[in-house]
Each structure stands twice: as C-alpha cells, then as structure tokens.
C-alpha cells in the first residue's frame, strides 16, 4: 500500500469515528469494508412521521480528491427541496 493510501485510510477512519460519535444511535454501519454508512434522522424517535436516511459511501480517494457518495432516502422530500438539500451537501464538501 502506498504511503498516501495509509494517510487517506487514517483520515477516513478518524472521520468515521467522529461521525459515529456525533450521530450516536442515528449512525449505522451498512458495510464496513466498503465504507458504506447510513445516518437516520427522524422528527420524533418514539413516533416518527418524517424520516430521512442519508446513505454515505466513502470512496478510496476520499477525502483527498473525491467527495463522499451519498443517497437521500426520504419519500416525502420532493422537487426543489430535495435539490436544495443535495446542493447543500455538495457545498459542504467543497
């Protein structure tokens, strides 16, 4: 493994640990080897009416030269609101 890959892996692992600490029970590991995770956000934990699942995949080149790949799962989020949220996520990475 090249030296850059080791540094990238370390930065990814640090970020994964930070996100797990921030999101707590809302954080879910889907595939640790492929670095696919999910953040599930609900308006009410006991009786959720609005839930958004943000699936995040960290490519090998992340964070150096590639952004995270994400998928929003929220059937109630439509149109311009969905576009605005997607654009906001892209701006955060930039």
C-alpha atoms as a PDB file:
ATOM      1  CA  UNK A   1       0.000   0.000   0.000  1.00  0.00           C
ATOM      2  CA  UNK A   2       1.357   3.431  -0.895  1.00  0.00           C
ATOM      3  CA  UNK A   3       2.065   5.965   1.805  1.00  0.00           C
ATOM      4  CA  UNK A   4      -0.728   8.251   0.556  1.00  0.00           C
ATOM      5  CA  UNK A   5      -3.233   5.420   0.876  1.00  0.00           C
ATOM      6  CA  UNK A   6      -2.284   4.905   4.536  1.00  0.00           C
ATOM      7  CA  UNK A   7      -2.801   8.602   5.262  1.00  0.00           C
ATOM      8  CA  UNK A   8      -6.129   8.603   3.451  1.00  0.00           C
ATOM      9  CA  UNK A   9      -7.285   5.500   5.334  1.00  0.00           C
ATOM     10  CA  UNK A  10      -6.315   7.089   8.634  1.00  0.00           C
ATOM     11  CA  UNK A  11      -8.191  10.311   7.823  1.00  0.00           C
ATOM     12  CA  UNK A  12     -11.241   8.291   6.737  1.00  0.00           C
ATOM     13  CA  UNK A  13     -11.170   6.226   9.933  1.00  0.00           C
ATOM     14  CA  UNK A  14     -10.895   9.366  12.066  1.00  0.00           C
ATOM     15  CA  UNK A  15     -13.841  10.911  10.239  1.00  0.00           C
ATOM     16  CA  UNK A  16     -15.910   7.728  10.605  1.00  0.00           C
ATOM     17  CA  UNK A  17     -15.217   7.691  14.354  1.00  0.00           C
ATOM     18  CA  UNK A  18     -16.190  11.356  14.621  1.00  0.00           C
ATOM     19  CA  UNK A  19     -19.460  10.844  12.717  1.00  0.00           C
ATOM     20  CA  UNK A  20     -20.322   7.796  14.831  1.00  0.00           C
ATOM     21  CA  UNK A  21     -19.756   9.869  17.983  1.00  0.00           C
ATOM     22  CA  UNK A  22     -21.812  12.799  16.677  1.00  0.00           C
ATOM     23  CA  UNK A  23     -24.791  10.788  15.404  1.00  0.00           C
ATOM     24  CA  UNK A  24     -24.839   8.059  18.080  1.00  0.00           C
ATOM     25  CA  UNK A  25     -27.849   5.799  17.614  1.00  0.00           C
ATOM     26  CA  UNK A  26     -28.702   7.512  14.317  1.00  0.00           C
ATOM     27  CA  UNK A  27     -25.421   6.164  12.850  1.00  0.00           C
ATOM     28  CA  UNK A  28     -25.471   2.727  11.211  1.00  0.00           C
ATOM     29  CA  UNK A  29     -22.704   0.738   9.548  1.00  0.00           C
ATOM     30  CA  UNK A  30     -24.048  -0.938   6.415  1.00  0.00           C
ATOM     31  CA  UNK A  31     -20.755  -2.333   5.074  1.00  0.00           C
ATOM     32  CA  UNK A  32     -17.574  -1.560   6.997  1.00  0.00           C
ATOM     33  CA  UNK A  33     -15.205  -2.923   4.308  1.00  0.00           C
ATOM     34  CA  UNK A  34     -16.865  -0.930   1.522  1.00  0.00           C
ATOM     35  CA  UNK A  35     -17.199   2.078   3.896  1.00  0.00           C
ATOM     36  CA  UNK A  36     -20.952   2.443   3.447  1.00  0.00           C
ATOM     37  CA  UNK A  37     -22.862   4.048   6.293  1.00  0.00           C
ATOM     38  CA  UNK A  38     -26.308   5.440   6.996  1.00  0.00           C
ATOM     39  CA  UNK A  39     -27.486   8.329   9.116  1.00  0.00           C
ATOM     40  CA  UNK A  40     -31.173   8.052  10.009  1.00  0.00           C
ATOM     41  CA  UNK A  41     -32.797  11.284  11.117  1.00  0.00           C
ATOM     42  CA  UNK A  42     -36.380  11.396  12.387  1.00  0.00           C
ATOM     43  CA  UNK A  43     -38.579  14.158  13.697  1.00  0.00           C
ATOM     44  CA  UNK A  44     -39.508  12.041  16.739  1.00  0.00           C
ATOM     45  CA  UNK A  45     -37.651   8.912  17.847  1.00  0.00           C
ATOM     46  CA  UNK A  46     -40.684   7.389  19.605  1.00  0.00           C
ATOM     47  CA  UNK A  47     -43.254   8.191  16.909  1.00  0.00           C
ATOM     48  CA  UNK A  48     -41.502   9.225  13.675  1.00  0.00           C
ATOM     49  CA  UNK A  49     -43.636  10.809  10.983  1.00  0.00           C
ATOM     50  CA  UNK A  50     -40.794  12.225   8.911  1.00  0.00           C
ATOM     51  CA  UNK A  51     -37.633  10.170   8.470  1.00  0.00           C
ATOM     52  CA  UNK A  52     -34.661  10.800   6.247  1.00  0.00           C
ATOM     53  CA  UNK A  53     -31.937   8.227   5.655  1.00  0.00           C
ATOM     54  CA  UNK A  54     -28.697   9.568   4.308  1.00  0.00           C
ATOM     55  CA  UNK A  55     -26.575   6.728   2.955  1.00  0.00           C
ATOM     56  CA  UNK A  56     -22.914   7.691   2.644  1.00  0.00           C
ATOM     57  CA  UNK A  57     -20.123   5.827   0.877  1.00  0.00           C
ATOM     58  CA  UNK A  58     -16.521   6.931   1.217  1.00  0.00           C
ATOM     59  CA  UNK A  59     -14.551   6.108  -1.952  1.00  0.00           C
ATOM     60  CA  UNK A  60     -10.861   5.215  -1.573  1.00  0.00           C
ATOM     61  CA  UNK A  61      -9.897   8.667  -2.875  1.00  0.00           C
ATOM     62  CA  UNK A  62     -11.909  10.459  -0.166  1.00  0.00           C
ATOM     63  CA  UNK A  63     -11.168  12.985   1.310  1.00  0.00           C
ATOM     64  CA  UNK A  64      -8.178  13.951  -0.832  1.00  0.00           C
ATOM     65  CA  UNK A  65      -9.555  14.004  -4.359  1.00  0.00           C
ATOM     66  CA  UNK A  66     -13.102  12.624  -4.286  1.00  0.00           C
ATOM     67  CA  UNK A  67     -16.264  13.625  -2.453  1.00  0.00           C
ATOM     68  CA  UNK A  68     -18.363  11.178  -0.481  1.00  0.00           C
ATOM     69  CA  UNK A  69     -21.080   9.466  -2.493  1.00  0.00           C
ATOM     70  CA  UNK A  70     -24.487   9.797  -0.931  1.00  0.00           C
ATOM     71  CA  UNK A  71     -28.071   8.832  -1.492  1.00  0.00           C
ATOM     72  CA  UNK A  72     -31.045  10.506   0.140  1.00  0.00           C
ATOM     73  CA  UNK A  73     -33.913   8.227   1.081  1.00  0.00           C
ATOM     74  CA  UNK A  74     -36.943  10.283   2.048  1.00  0.00           C
ATOM     75  CA  UNK A  75     -40.113   9.596   0.048  1.00  0.00           C
ATOM     76  CA  UNK A  76     -41.736  12.766   1.389  1.00  0.00           C
ATOM     77  CA  UNK A  77     -38.866  15.008   0.162  1.00  0.00           C
ATOM     78  CA  UNK A  78     -39.687  16.106  -3.378  1.00  0.00           C
ATOM     79  CA  UNK A  79     -38.732  18.583  -6.052  1.00  0.00           C
ATOM     80  CA  UNK A  80     -36.844  21.726  -5.205  1.00  0.00           C
ATOM     81  CA  UNK A  81     -36.460  20.825  -1.509  1.00  0.00           C
ATOM     82  CA  UNK A  82     -34.621  17.626  -2.487  1.00  0.00           C
ATOM     83  CA  UNK A  83     -32.436  19.525  -4.991  1.00  0.00           C
ATOM     84  CA  UNK A  84     -31.640  22.212  -2.404  1.00  0.00           C
ATOM     85  CA  UNK A  85     -30.618  19.607   0.182  1.00  0.00           C
ATOM     86  CA  UNK A  86     -28.441  17.763  -2.349  1.00  0.00           C
ATOM     87  CA  UNK A  87     -26.776  21.042  -3.361  1.00  0.00           C
ATOM     88  CA  UNK A  88     -26.145  21.907   0.283  1.00  0.00           C
ATOM     89  CA  UNK A  89     -24.399  18.567   0.838  1.00  0.00           C
ATOM     90  CA  UNK A  90     -22.202  19.194  -2.201  1.00  0.00           C
ATOM     91  CA  UNK A  91     -21.323  22.706  -0.965  1.00  0.00           C
ATOM     92  CA  UNK A  92     -20.322  21.318   2.437  1.00  0.00           C
ATOM     93  CA  UNK A  93     -17.792  19.012   0.791  1.00  0.00           C
ATOM     94  CA  UNK A  94     -16.366  21.815  -1.358  1.00  0.00           C
END
